[in-house]
């Protein structure tokens, strides 16, 4: 949840988590895309991250050399998700939320980079957007 620290879950005095993972190991999210390099460029520019690796069918955007990473992977027959969901259409399986300091300027910047604004907007302080591949993401203004 935004704005809250996350600690390892402790059950009966024992920290849980994957034991084979140690500090400094990378982690990320893989996203299917019709044009992995193009989508990597979009998110790198939107977030001020860098493209850490590219090869045919795969592009990786990183916040730092240690991550987190977004991995964009080639998807043949890609169908963009529909939001709000419509029965029988490809549902969004996940989306990114990005906190911003000024909602209007963040929307304008994202549109300049190739995003589009969703027609349906369920909250005053959030703008649902679509990246160039049609994945939804939210720009969230939170004064706290």
Protein backbone atom coordinates (compact mmCIF):
# COMPACT_ATOMS: atom_id res chain seq x y z
CA UNK A 1 0.00 0.00 0.00
CA UNK A 2 1.43 3.43 -0.91
CA UNK A 3 2.95 5.37 1.95
CA UNK A 4 3.37 2.42 4.29
CA UNK A 5 6.54 0.51 5.13
CA UNK A 6 6.48 -3.22 4.43
CA UNK A 7 8.30 -5.66 6.70
CA UNK A 8 8.76 -9.41 6.40
CA UNK A 9 5.84 -11.32 7.83
CA UNK A 10 6.70 -12.94 11.13
CA UNK A 11 4.88 -16.14 12.06
CA UNK A 12 5.51 -17.58 15.53
CA UNK A 13 8.80 -15.71 15.81
CA UNK A 14 10.12 -16.81 12.40
CA UNK A 15 10.55 -14.45 9.45
CA UNK A 16 8.96 -15.85 6.31
CA UNK A 17 10.05 -15.39 2.73
CA UNK A 18 11.89 -17.31 0.08
CA UNK A 19 15.03 -18.59 1.84
CA UNK A 20 17.05 -18.75 -1.37
CA UNK A 21 16.66 -14.98 -1.84
CA UNK A 22 19.24 -12.78 -0.20
CA UNK A 23 19.72 -9.02 0.00
CA UNK A 24 20.66 -7.40 -3.29
CA UNK A 25 18.99 -9.99 -5.52
CA UNK A 26 16.95 -8.48 -8.35
CA UNK A 27 13.20 -8.62 -8.71
CA UNK A 28 10.77 -7.32 -11.28
CA UNK A 29 7.55 -7.64 -13.20
CA UNK A 30 7.25 -9.08 -16.71
CA UNK A 31 4.72 -7.50 -19.05
CA UNK A 32 3.64 -8.82 -22.44
CA UNK A 33 3.79 -6.34 -25.29
CA UNK A 34 3.55 -6.21 -29.08
CA UNK A 35 6.65 -3.97 -29.19
CA UNK A 36 8.87 -4.59 -26.14
CA UNK A 37 11.52 -2.02 -27.09
CA UNK A 38 8.95 0.70 -27.72
CA UNK A 39 7.17 0.06 -24.44
CA UNK A 40 10.48 -0.03 -22.56
CA UNK A 41 11.36 3.37 -24.03
CA UNK A 42 7.95 4.76 -22.97
CA UNK A 43 8.34 3.65 -19.32
CA UNK A 44 12.02 4.64 -19.17
CA UNK A 45 11.08 8.19 -20.20
CA UNK A 46 7.93 8.31 -18.04
CA UNK A 47 9.77 7.20 -14.88
CA UNK A 48 13.27 8.55 -15.53
CA UNK A 49 14.64 4.98 -15.43
CA UNK A 50 17.10 3.49 -17.90
CA UNK A 51 16.92 0.65 -20.39
CA UNK A 52 19.19 -1.94 -18.84
CA UNK A 53 19.06 -4.62 -21.52
CA UNK A 54 17.57 -5.21 -24.96
CA UNK A 55 17.55 -8.20 -27.27
CA UNK A 56 15.06 -9.37 -29.89
CA UNK A 57 11.73 -9.88 -28.13
CA UNK A 58 12.81 -8.54 -24.73
CA UNK A 59 13.64 -5.16 -23.21
CA UNK A 60 14.30 -4.38 -19.54
CA UNK A 61 13.81 -1.04 -17.79
CA UNK A 62 15.48 -0.56 -14.42
CA UNK A 63 15.19 1.97 -11.60
CA UNK A 64 18.81 1.19 -10.66
CA UNK A 65 21.31 -1.58 -11.35
CA UNK A 66 19.70 -3.49 -8.43
CA UNK A 67 16.13 -2.93 -9.66
CA UNK A 68 13.27 -3.00 -9.51
CA UNK A 69 12.88 -4.01 -13.15
CA UNK A 70 10.09 -4.03 -15.70
CA UNK A 71 10.72 -6.73 -18.30
CA UNK A 72 8.81 -6.28 -21.56
CA UNK A 73 8.41 -9.53 -23.45
CA UNK A 74 7.24 -10.10 -27.03
CA UNK A 75 3.67 -11.40 -27.22
CA UNK A 76 2.40 -12.78 -30.51
CA UNK A 77 -1.33 -12.24 -30.93
CA UNK A 78 -1.30 -9.58 -28.20
CA UNK A 79 -4.72 -8.17 -27.28
CA UNK A 80 -4.74 -4.97 -25.27
CA UNK A 81 -6.81 -5.15 -22.09
CA UNK A 82 -10.11 -3.29 -21.94
CA UNK A 83 -10.87 -0.95 -19.07
CA UNK A 84 -13.32 -0.73 -17.51
CA UNK A 85 -13.70 -4.49 -17.97
CA UNK A 86 -16.20 -5.75 -20.52
CA UNK A 87 -17.49 -9.33 -20.52
CA UNK A 88 -15.81 -11.39 -23.23
CA UNK A 89 -12.92 -8.95 -23.72
CA UNK A 90 -9.34 -9.16 -22.42
CA UNK A 91 -9.44 -8.01 -18.79
CA UNK A 92 -6.59 -6.05 -17.22
CA UNK A 93 -4.73 -8.54 -15.04
CA UNK A 94 -2.71 -5.85 -13.24
CA UNK A 95 -1.80 -2.21 -13.54
CA UNK A 96 0.81 0.19 -12.23
CA UNK A 97 0.05 3.07 -9.85
CA UNK A 98 2.45 6.03 -9.81
CA UNK A 99 2.17 8.81 -7.24
CA UNK A 100 2.61 12.27 -8.77
CA UNK A 101 2.99 15.77 -7.35
CA UNK A 102 0.76 17.50 -9.90
CA UNK A 103 -1.92 15.47 -11.64
CA UNK A 104 -2.52 17.75 -14.63
CA UNK A 105 1.15 18.13 -15.53
CA UNK A 106 1.80 14.38 -15.03
CA UNK A 107 -1.08 13.56 -17.39
CA UNK A 108 0.26 16.03 -19.97
CA UNK A 109 3.77 14.53 -19.74
CA UNK A 110 2.44 10.97 -20.12
CA UNK A 111 0.34 11.97 -23.15
CA UNK A 112 3.38 13.64 -24.75
CA UNK A 113 5.24 10.32 -24.37
CA UNK A 114 2.43 8.36 -26.06
CA UNK A 115 -0.09 7.54 -23.32
CA UNK A 116 -3.81 8.15 -23.69
CA UNK A 117 -6.36 9.15 -21.06
CA UNK A 118 -9.10 6.61 -20.34
CA UNK A 119 -12.64 7.81 -20.95
CA UNK A 120 -13.87 6.49 -17.60
CA UNK A 121 -12.32 8.17 -14.54
CA UNK A 122 -13.61 6.73 -11.23
CA UNK A 123 -11.75 9.06 -8.82
CA UNK A 124 -11.06 12.80 -8.68
CA UNK A 125 -7.41 12.41 -7.58
CA UNK A 126 -6.52 9.57 -10.00
CA UNK A 127 -6.18 9.51 -13.77
CA UNK A 128 -6.49 6.15 -15.47
CA UNK A 129 -4.18 6.13 -18.48
CA UNK A 130 -3.23 3.64 -21.19
CA UNK A 131 0.39 3.07 -22.22
CA UNK A 132 1.18 2.77 -25.95
CA UNK A 133 0.38 -0.98 -25.86
CA UNK A 134 -2.97 -0.37 -24.15
CA UNK A 135 -2.04 -1.48 -20.62
CA UNK A 136 -3.83 0.65 -18.03
CA UNK A 137 -1.82 2.55 -15.41
CA UNK A 138 -2.84 5.17 -12.88
CA UNK A 139 -1.33 8.54 -12.01
CA UNK A 140 -2.31 9.23 -8.40
CA UNK A 141 -2.21 12.57 -6.63
CA UNK A 142 -1.93 12.06 -2.88
CA UNK A 143 -1.37 15.19 -0.78
CA UNK A 144 -0.31 13.18 2.27
